[in-house]
N, C-alpha and C. Protein backbone atom coordinates (compact mmCIF):
# COMPACT_ATOMS: atom_id res chain seq x y z
N UNK A 1 178.66 61.57 131.96
CA UNK A 1 178.22 62.89 131.60
C UNK A 1 178.71 63.55 130.32
N UNK A 2 179.78 63.09 129.86
CA UNK A 2 180.24 63.55 128.53
C UNK A 2 179.45 62.89 127.44
N UNK A 3 178.94 62.09 127.56
CA UNK A 3 178.26 61.30 126.74
C UNK A 3 176.77 61.97 126.54
N UNK A 4 176.41 62.33 127.52
CA UNK A 4 175.02 63.11 127.73
C UNK A 4 175.26 64.41 127.05
N UNK A 5 176.30 65.14 127.12
CA UNK A 5 176.45 66.68 126.43
C UNK A 5 176.90 66.23 125.01
N UNK A 6 177.42 65.11 124.65
CA UNK A 6 177.36 65.01 123.36
C UNK A 6 175.86 64.74 122.50
N UNK A 7 175.40 63.87 123.12
CA UNK A 7 173.89 63.53 122.59
C UNK A 7 173.05 65.02 122.66
N UNK A 8 173.09 65.88 123.34
CA UNK A 8 172.65 67.14 123.29
C UNK A 8 172.92 67.92 122.48
N UNK A 9 174.29 67.96 122.08
CA UNK A 9 174.76 68.91 120.90
C UNK A 9 174.56 68.46 119.79
N UNK A 10 174.62 67.00 119.61
CA UNK A 10 174.35 66.23 118.23
C UNK A 10 173.05 66.61 117.97
N UNK A 11 172.05 66.25 119.00
CA UNK A 11 170.66 66.58 118.81
C UNK A 11 170.30 68.12 118.19
N UNK A 12 170.82 69.02 118.98
CA UNK A 12 170.59 70.37 118.52
C UNK A 12 171.30 70.61 116.88
N UNK A 13 172.51 70.05 116.66
CA UNK A 13 172.91 70.41 115.55
C UNK A 13 171.92 69.79 114.34
N UNK A 14 171.37 68.45 114.77
CA UNK A 14 170.48 67.78 113.78
C UNK A 14 169.21 68.63 113.66
N UNK A 15 168.63 69.27 114.48
CA UNK A 15 167.48 69.86 114.71
C UNK A 15 167.53 71.14 113.51
N UNK A 16 166.56 70.91 112.59
CA UNK A 16 166.53 72.15 111.65
C UNK A 16 165.66 73.28 111.81
N UNK A 17 165.08 73.32 113.15
CA UNK A 17 164.27 74.44 113.41
C UNK A 17 164.97 75.71 113.64
N UNK A 18 164.81 76.63 112.76
CA UNK A 18 165.30 78.06 112.92
C UNK A 18 166.65 78.18 111.95
N UNK A 19 166.78 77.10 111.03
CA UNK A 19 167.79 77.16 110.18
C UNK A 19 167.38 78.17 108.95
N UNK A 20 166.17 78.51 108.50
CA UNK A 20 165.87 79.33 107.74
C UNK A 20 166.18 80.59 107.92
N UNK A 21 165.72 80.94 109.20
CA UNK A 21 166.13 82.30 109.90
C UNK A 21 167.54 82.47 109.99
N UNK A 22 168.25 81.70 110.51
CA UNK A 22 169.83 81.88 110.22
C UNK A 22 170.11 82.00 109.19
N UNK A 23 169.88 81.24 108.15
CA UNK A 23 170.28 81.48 106.75
C UNK A 23 169.81 83.07 106.24
N UNK A 24 168.86 83.66 106.50
CA UNK A 24 168.17 84.76 106.07
C UNK A 24 169.07 85.77 106.86
N UNK A 25 169.49 85.68 108.03
CA UNK A 25 170.42 86.46 108.86
C UNK A 25 171.69 86.44 108.22
N UNK A 26 172.27 85.61 107.68
CA UNK A 26 173.47 85.41 106.99
C UNK A 26 173.59 86.37 105.84
N UNK A 27 172.45 85.72 105.01
CA UNK A 27 172.30 86.09 103.62
C UNK A 27 171.88 87.79 103.50
N UNK A 28 171.17 88.04 104.19
CA UNK A 28 170.60 89.47 103.91
C UNK A 28 171.47 90.59 103.83
N UNK A 29 172.45 90.89 104.88
CA UNK A 29 173.58 91.67 104.54
C UNK A 29 174.21 91.80 103.24
N UNK A 30 174.35 90.60 102.84
CA UNK A 30 175.00 90.75 101.46
C UNK A 30 174.02 91.18 100.19
N UNK A 31 172.77 90.73 100.40
CA UNK A 31 171.91 91.14 99.33
C UNK A 31 171.64 92.67 99.36
N UNK A 32 171.44 93.07 100.72
CA UNK A 32 171.54 94.49 100.84
C UNK A 32 172.80 95.56 100.53
N UNK A 33 173.76 95.00 100.68
CA UNK A 33 174.96 95.62 99.99
C UNK A 33 174.92 95.60 98.52
N UNK A 34 174.68 94.69 97.75
CA UNK A 34 174.44 94.57 96.59
C UNK A 34 173.10 95.61 96.05
N UNK A 35 172.05 95.71 96.59
CA UNK A 35 171.10 96.61 96.33
C UNK A 35 171.68 97.97 96.49
N UNK A 36 172.42 98.50 97.49
CA UNK A 36 173.01 99.47 97.90
C UNK A 36 174.09 100.12 96.73
N UNK A 37 174.92 98.84 96.39
CA UNK A 37 175.77 99.21 95.47
C UNK A 37 175.21 99.73 94.05
N UNK A 38 174.09 98.87 93.68
CA UNK A 38 173.32 99.13 92.51
C UNK A 38 172.62 100.60 92.43
N UNK A 39 172.12 101.11 93.45
CA UNK A 39 171.56 102.19 93.56
C UNK A 39 172.62 103.64 93.26
N UNK A 40 173.95 103.11 93.98
CA UNK A 40 174.82 104.19 93.54
C UNK A 40 175.30 104.34 92.47
N UNK A 41 175.57 102.94 91.84
CA UNK A 41 176.02 102.86 90.39
C UNK A 41 175.26 103.60 89.36
N UNK A 42 173.82 103.31 89.65
CA UNK A 42 172.59 103.73 88.58
C UNK A 42 172.77 105.31 88.84
N UNK A 43 172.82 106.12 89.90
CA UNK A 43 172.80 107.40 90.03
C UNK A 43 174.06 107.90 89.46
N UNK A 44 175.18 107.49 89.67
CA UNK A 44 176.44 108.13 88.98
C UNK A 44 176.37 107.88 87.47
N UNK A 45 175.96 107.05 86.85
CA UNK A 45 175.71 106.54 85.31
C UNK A 45 174.63 107.51 84.95
N UNK A 46 173.58 107.42 85.51
CA UNK A 46 172.47 108.41 85.16
C UNK A 46 172.95 109.98 84.98
N UNK A 47 173.79 110.60 86.05
CA UNK A 47 173.86 111.82 86.25
C UNK A 47 174.96 112.18 85.18
N UNK A 48 175.99 110.99 85.05
CA UNK A 48 177.03 111.56 83.90
C UNK A 48 176.20 111.51 82.59
N UNK A 49 175.46 110.80 82.31
CA UNK A 49 174.76 110.87 80.81
C UNK A 49 173.94 112.15 80.75
N UNK A 50 173.31 112.76 82.12
CA UNK A 50 172.60 113.90 82.24
C UNK A 50 173.65 115.09 81.98
N UNK A 51 174.88 114.88 82.45
CA UNK A 51 175.60 116.18 82.43
C UNK A 51 176.41 116.04 80.87
N UNK A 52 176.33 115.06 80.25
CA UNK A 52 176.79 115.00 78.93
C UNK A 52 175.78 115.47 77.82
N UNK A 53 174.43 115.14 78.17
CA UNK A 53 173.38 115.72 77.56
C UNK A 53 173.23 117.19 77.68
N UNK A 54 173.79 117.51 78.78
CA UNK A 54 173.31 119.12 79.03
C UNK A 54 174.53 120.00 78.34
N UNK A 55 175.59 119.25 78.36
CA UNK A 55 176.77 120.14 77.47
C UNK A 55 176.37 120.12 76.24
N UNK A 56 176.04 118.89 75.60
CA UNK A 56 175.73 118.93 74.36
C UNK A 56 174.54 120.00 73.89
N UNK A 57 173.39 119.91 74.63
CA UNK A 57 172.45 120.94 74.47
C UNK A 57 172.77 122.21 74.64
N UNK A 58 173.54 122.68 75.53
CA UNK A 58 174.10 124.09 75.70
C UNK A 58 174.71 124.28 74.67
N UNK A 59 175.56 123.39 74.12
CA UNK A 59 176.67 123.56 73.03
C UNK A 59 175.89 124.00 71.81
N UNK A 60 175.04 123.10 71.67
CA UNK A 60 174.11 123.29 70.14
C UNK A 60 173.37 124.37 70.36
N UNK A 61 172.64 125.05 71.15
CA UNK A 61 171.77 126.09 71.20
C UNK A 61 172.72 127.27 71.30
N UNK A 62 173.83 127.19 71.85
CA UNK A 62 174.92 128.30 71.77
C UNK A 62 175.31 128.61 70.46
N UNK A 63 175.64 127.49 69.71
CA UNK A 63 176.49 127.44 68.42
C UNK A 63 175.68 128.21 67.48
N UNK A 64 174.33 128.21 67.23
CA UNK A 64 173.34 128.88 66.56
C UNK A 64 172.79 130.28 66.70
N UNK A 65 173.26 130.95 67.99
CA UNK A 65 172.93 132.29 68.38
C UNK A 65 173.74 133.40 67.49
N UNK A 66 173.03 134.47 67.43
CA UNK A 66 173.81 135.56 66.54
C UNK A 66 175.10 136.17 67.33
N UNK A 67 174.89 136.22 68.72
CA UNK A 67 175.97 136.75 69.47
C UNK A 67 176.42 136.02 70.80
N UNK A 68 177.20 136.53 71.57
CA UNK A 68 177.66 135.67 72.49
C UNK A 68 176.76 135.79 73.69
N UNK A 69 176.25 136.96 74.31
CA UNK A 69 175.25 137.21 75.19
C UNK A 69 174.20 136.29 75.17
N UNK A 70 173.27 136.18 73.68
CA UNK A 70 172.36 135.35 73.72
C UNK A 70 172.80 133.73 73.72
N UNK A 71 173.90 133.44 73.27
CA UNK A 71 174.47 132.23 73.39
C UNK A 71 174.67 131.80 74.89
N UNK A 72 175.21 132.39 75.81
CA UNK A 72 175.42 132.16 77.07
C UNK A 72 173.96 132.02 77.92
N UNK A 73 173.08 133.01 77.45
CA UNK A 73 171.67 133.06 78.24
C UNK A 73 171.12 131.78 77.72
N UNK A 74 170.88 131.63 76.53
CA UNK A 74 170.19 130.12 76.05
C UNK A 74 171.13 128.71 76.29
N UNK A 75 172.34 128.78 76.16
CA UNK A 75 172.71 127.79 76.76
C UNK A 75 172.88 127.46 78.08
N UNK A 76 172.75 128.32 79.13
CA UNK A 76 172.53 128.22 80.50
C UNK A 76 171.15 127.60 80.66
N UNK A 77 170.09 128.31 80.14
CA UNK A 77 168.65 128.02 80.10
C UNK A 77 168.37 126.37 79.85
N UNK A 78 169.23 125.95 78.43
CA UNK A 78 168.91 124.69 77.93
C UNK A 78 169.49 123.76 78.94
N UNK A 79 170.73 123.91 79.30
CA UNK A 79 171.68 123.03 79.81
C UNK A 79 171.18 122.77 81.18
N UNK A 80 170.78 123.91 82.04
CA UNK A 80 170.10 123.69 83.32
C UNK A 80 169.01 122.78 83.49
N UNK A 81 167.95 123.25 82.54
CA UNK A 81 166.69 122.36 82.34
C UNK A 81 167.20 120.79 82.16
N UNK A 82 168.15 120.36 81.51
CA UNK A 82 168.39 119.25 81.44
C UNK A 82 169.31 118.55 82.51
N UNK A 83 169.87 119.50 83.28
CA UNK A 83 170.66 118.97 84.74
C UNK A 83 169.57 118.74 85.60
N UNK A 84 168.45 119.54 85.66
CA UNK A 84 167.53 119.31 86.71
C UNK A 84 166.85 118.20 86.81
N UNK A 85 166.84 117.17 85.54
CA UNK A 85 166.34 116.00 85.70
C UNK A 85 167.18 114.82 86.39
N UNK A 86 168.20 115.51 86.76
CA UNK A 86 169.42 114.44 87.43
C UNK A 86 168.62 113.82 88.71
N UNK A 87 169.40 112.79 89.25
CA UNK A 87 168.94 112.34 90.72
C UNK A 87 169.84 112.77 91.54
N UNK A 88 169.06 113.34 92.62
CA UNK A 88 169.71 113.93 93.82
C UNK A 88 170.49 115.04 93.68
N UNK A 89 170.09 115.82 92.83
CA UNK A 89 171.02 116.81 92.41
C UNK A 89 171.08 118.12 93.46
N UNK A 90 172.37 118.43 93.61
CA UNK A 90 172.74 119.67 94.59
C UNK A 90 173.03 120.70 94.34
N UNK A 91 173.92 120.54 93.31
CA UNK A 91 174.17 121.89 92.45
C UNK A 91 174.39 121.72 90.86
N UNK A 92 174.24 122.62 90.01
CA UNK A 92 174.67 122.43 88.74
C UNK A 92 175.05 123.75 88.03
N UNK A 93 175.92 123.81 87.07
CA UNK A 93 176.61 124.75 86.52
C UNK A 93 176.84 124.64 84.93
N UNK A 94 176.53 125.61 84.03
CA UNK A 94 176.68 125.37 82.78
C UNK A 94 177.73 126.82 82.28
N UNK A 95 178.74 126.47 81.74
CA UNK A 95 179.92 127.29 81.03
C UNK A 95 179.98 127.28 79.63
N UNK A 96 180.01 128.46 79.05
CA UNK A 96 180.49 128.61 77.61
C UNK A 96 181.63 129.42 77.49
N UNK A 97 182.82 128.64 76.93
CA UNK A 97 183.84 129.50 76.70
C UNK A 97 184.09 129.36 74.88
N UNK A 98 184.73 130.51 74.52
CA UNK A 98 185.00 130.87 73.20
C UNK A 98 186.56 130.07 72.95
N UNK A 99 186.90 129.31 71.98
CA UNK A 99 188.01 128.83 71.75
C UNK A 99 188.52 129.29 70.30
N UNK A 100 189.81 129.99 70.40
CA UNK A 100 190.36 130.65 68.85
C UNK A 100 189.67 131.73 68.53
N UNK A 101 189.71 132.81 69.27
CA UNK A 101 189.04 134.18 68.76
C UNK A 101 187.87 134.49 69.20
N UNK A 102 187.09 135.25 68.61
CA UNK A 102 185.93 135.95 68.90
C UNK A 102 185.07 135.31 68.73
N UNK A 103 183.57 135.75 68.58
CA UNK A 103 182.41 135.26 68.45
C UNK A 103 182.15 135.26 66.82
N UNK A 104 182.64 134.57 66.20
CA UNK A 104 182.62 134.47 64.56
C UNK A 104 182.34 132.99 64.14
N UNK A 105 181.70 132.95 63.01
CA UNK A 105 181.23 131.86 62.24
C UNK A 105 182.61 131.52 61.96
N UNK A 106 182.75 129.91 62.61
CA UNK A 106 183.80 128.98 62.09
C UNK A 106 184.69 129.00 63.30
N UNK A 107 184.63 129.70 64.20
CA UNK A 107 185.42 129.41 65.58
C UNK A 107 184.66 128.43 66.13
N UNK A 108 185.12 128.31 67.59
CA UNK A 108 184.69 126.86 68.28
C UNK A 108 184.50 127.58 69.58
N UNK A 109 183.46 126.79 70.22
CA UNK A 109 182.91 127.17 71.72
C UNK A 109 183.13 125.66 72.26
N UNK A 110 183.48 125.87 73.68
CA UNK A 110 183.41 124.60 74.58
C UNK A 110 182.18 125.06 75.59
N UNK A 111 181.22 123.77 75.56
CA UNK A 111 180.56 124.03 76.59
C UNK A 111 180.71 123.08 77.73
N UNK A 112 180.66 123.24 78.84
CA UNK A 112 180.91 122.52 79.96
C UNK A 112 179.58 122.41 81.18
N UNK A 113 179.41 121.26 81.26
CA UNK A 113 178.24 121.00 82.32
C UNK A 113 178.82 120.52 83.54
N UNK A 114 178.49 120.95 84.63
CA UNK A 114 178.98 120.45 86.12
C UNK A 114 177.69 119.99 86.87
N UNK A 115 177.83 118.76 87.54
CA UNK A 115 176.60 118.57 88.53
C UNK A 115 177.13 117.83 89.59
N UNK A 116 176.71 118.32 90.73
CA UNK A 116 176.96 117.85 92.10
C UNK A 116 175.65 117.19 92.49
N UNK A 117 175.81 115.94 93.04
CA UNK A 117 174.81 115.28 93.39
C UNK A 117 175.24 114.35 94.66
N UNK A 118 174.14 113.92 95.37
CA UNK A 118 174.40 112.89 96.55
C UNK A 118 174.00 111.42 96.08
N UNK A 119 174.56 110.49 96.58
CA UNK A 119 174.40 109.09 96.23
C UNK A 119 173.27 108.88 96.88
N UNK A 120 172.30 107.97 96.34
CA UNK A 120 170.95 107.53 96.91
C UNK A 120 171.58 106.70 98.34
N UNK A 121 172.22 105.90 98.08
CA UNK A 121 172.25 104.74 99.30
C UNK A 121 173.07 105.33 100.38
N UNK A 122 174.31 105.91 99.82
CA UNK A 122 175.36 106.08 100.83
C UNK A 122 175.35 107.86 101.32
N UNK A 123 174.74 108.66 100.41
CA UNK A 123 174.85 109.84 100.91
C UNK A 123 176.08 110.83 100.53
N UNK A 124 177.12 110.11 99.85
CA UNK A 124 178.53 110.74 99.69
C UNK A 124 177.88 111.67 98.46
N UNK A 125 178.62 112.92 98.48
CA UNK A 125 178.51 113.97 97.48
C UNK A 125 179.68 113.47 96.53
N UNK A 126 179.02 113.61 95.16
CA UNK A 126 179.72 113.39 93.93
C UNK A 126 179.73 114.61 93.01
N UNK A 127 180.77 115.05 92.36
CA UNK A 127 180.76 116.00 91.39
C UNK A 127 181.29 115.54 90.13
N UNK A 128 180.64 115.70 88.82
CA UNK A 128 180.83 115.30 87.37
C UNK A 128 180.81 116.41 86.68
N UNK A 129 181.71 116.69 85.78
CA UNK A 129 181.91 117.48 84.45
C UNK A 129 181.97 116.94 83.14
N UNK A 130 181.26 117.32 82.52
CA UNK A 130 181.24 116.82 81.06
C UNK A 130 181.37 118.03 80.10
N UNK A 131 182.04 117.99 79.10
CA UNK A 131 182.27 118.87 78.16
C UNK A 131 181.83 118.62 76.68
N UNK A 132 181.45 119.57 75.77
CA UNK A 132 181.20 119.17 74.39
C UNK A 132 181.69 120.61 73.68
N UNK A 133 182.71 120.13 72.70
CA UNK A 133 183.23 121.09 71.81
C UNK A 133 182.41 121.27 70.22
N UNK A 134 181.98 122.51 70.00
CA UNK A 134 181.32 122.44 68.78
C UNK A 134 181.64 123.93 68.00
N UNK A 135 181.52 123.71 66.94
CA UNK A 135 181.75 125.03 66.17
C UNK A 135 180.59 126.20 65.98
N UNK A 136 180.83 127.34 65.93
CA UNK A 136 179.81 128.61 66.15
C UNK A 136 179.43 128.55 64.35
N UNK A 137 178.01 128.46 64.46
CA UNK A 137 177.50 128.32 63.06
C UNK A 137 176.87 129.66 62.55
N UNK A 138 176.40 130.52 63.51
CA UNK A 138 175.35 131.64 63.05
C UNK A 138 175.74 132.92 63.56
N UNK A 139 177.01 133.38 63.58
CA UNK A 139 177.33 134.61 64.21
C UNK A 139 177.12 135.56 63.41
N UNK A 140 177.03 136.70 63.94
CA UNK A 140 176.63 138.00 63.14
C UNK A 140 177.91 138.30 62.34
N UNK A 141 177.95 138.98 61.32
CA UNK A 141 179.15 139.39 60.60
C UNK A 141 179.31 140.79 61.23
N UNK A 142 180.55 141.26 61.82
CA UNK A 142 180.55 142.94 62.57
C UNK A 142 181.50 143.43 61.43
N UNK A 143 181.10 144.25 60.71
CA UNK A 143 182.18 145.05 59.76
C UNK A 143 182.39 146.35 60.15
């Protein structure tokens, strides 16, 4: 009786029917995790680059405006236009801060771009903030 069972088990092991399906079942979850991880990493890196580009664009357009009001308005317009191109964007914000005094030629501004987005694969919410420091170039002289 033992011999018979041993013969059945050995024949089953040597039979290669269904081996490809078994390999697929074992390997597919690993490949799927790799794809999911790649999508999440891509969305993080892409949106980080978009936030940096938005901070630069906002700071650049603000630095050449004649007054603070126009600088904030144009910085938000330009920065938010850049952030809208992000992947899975949930929220966005652009802020301009004057560093070292008032709105005068030679002073500096700090532009910050914040973007919140959901990862493509896992659905987790991520928030990134990038900033850019720039000199005011075209302020009106107030005398």
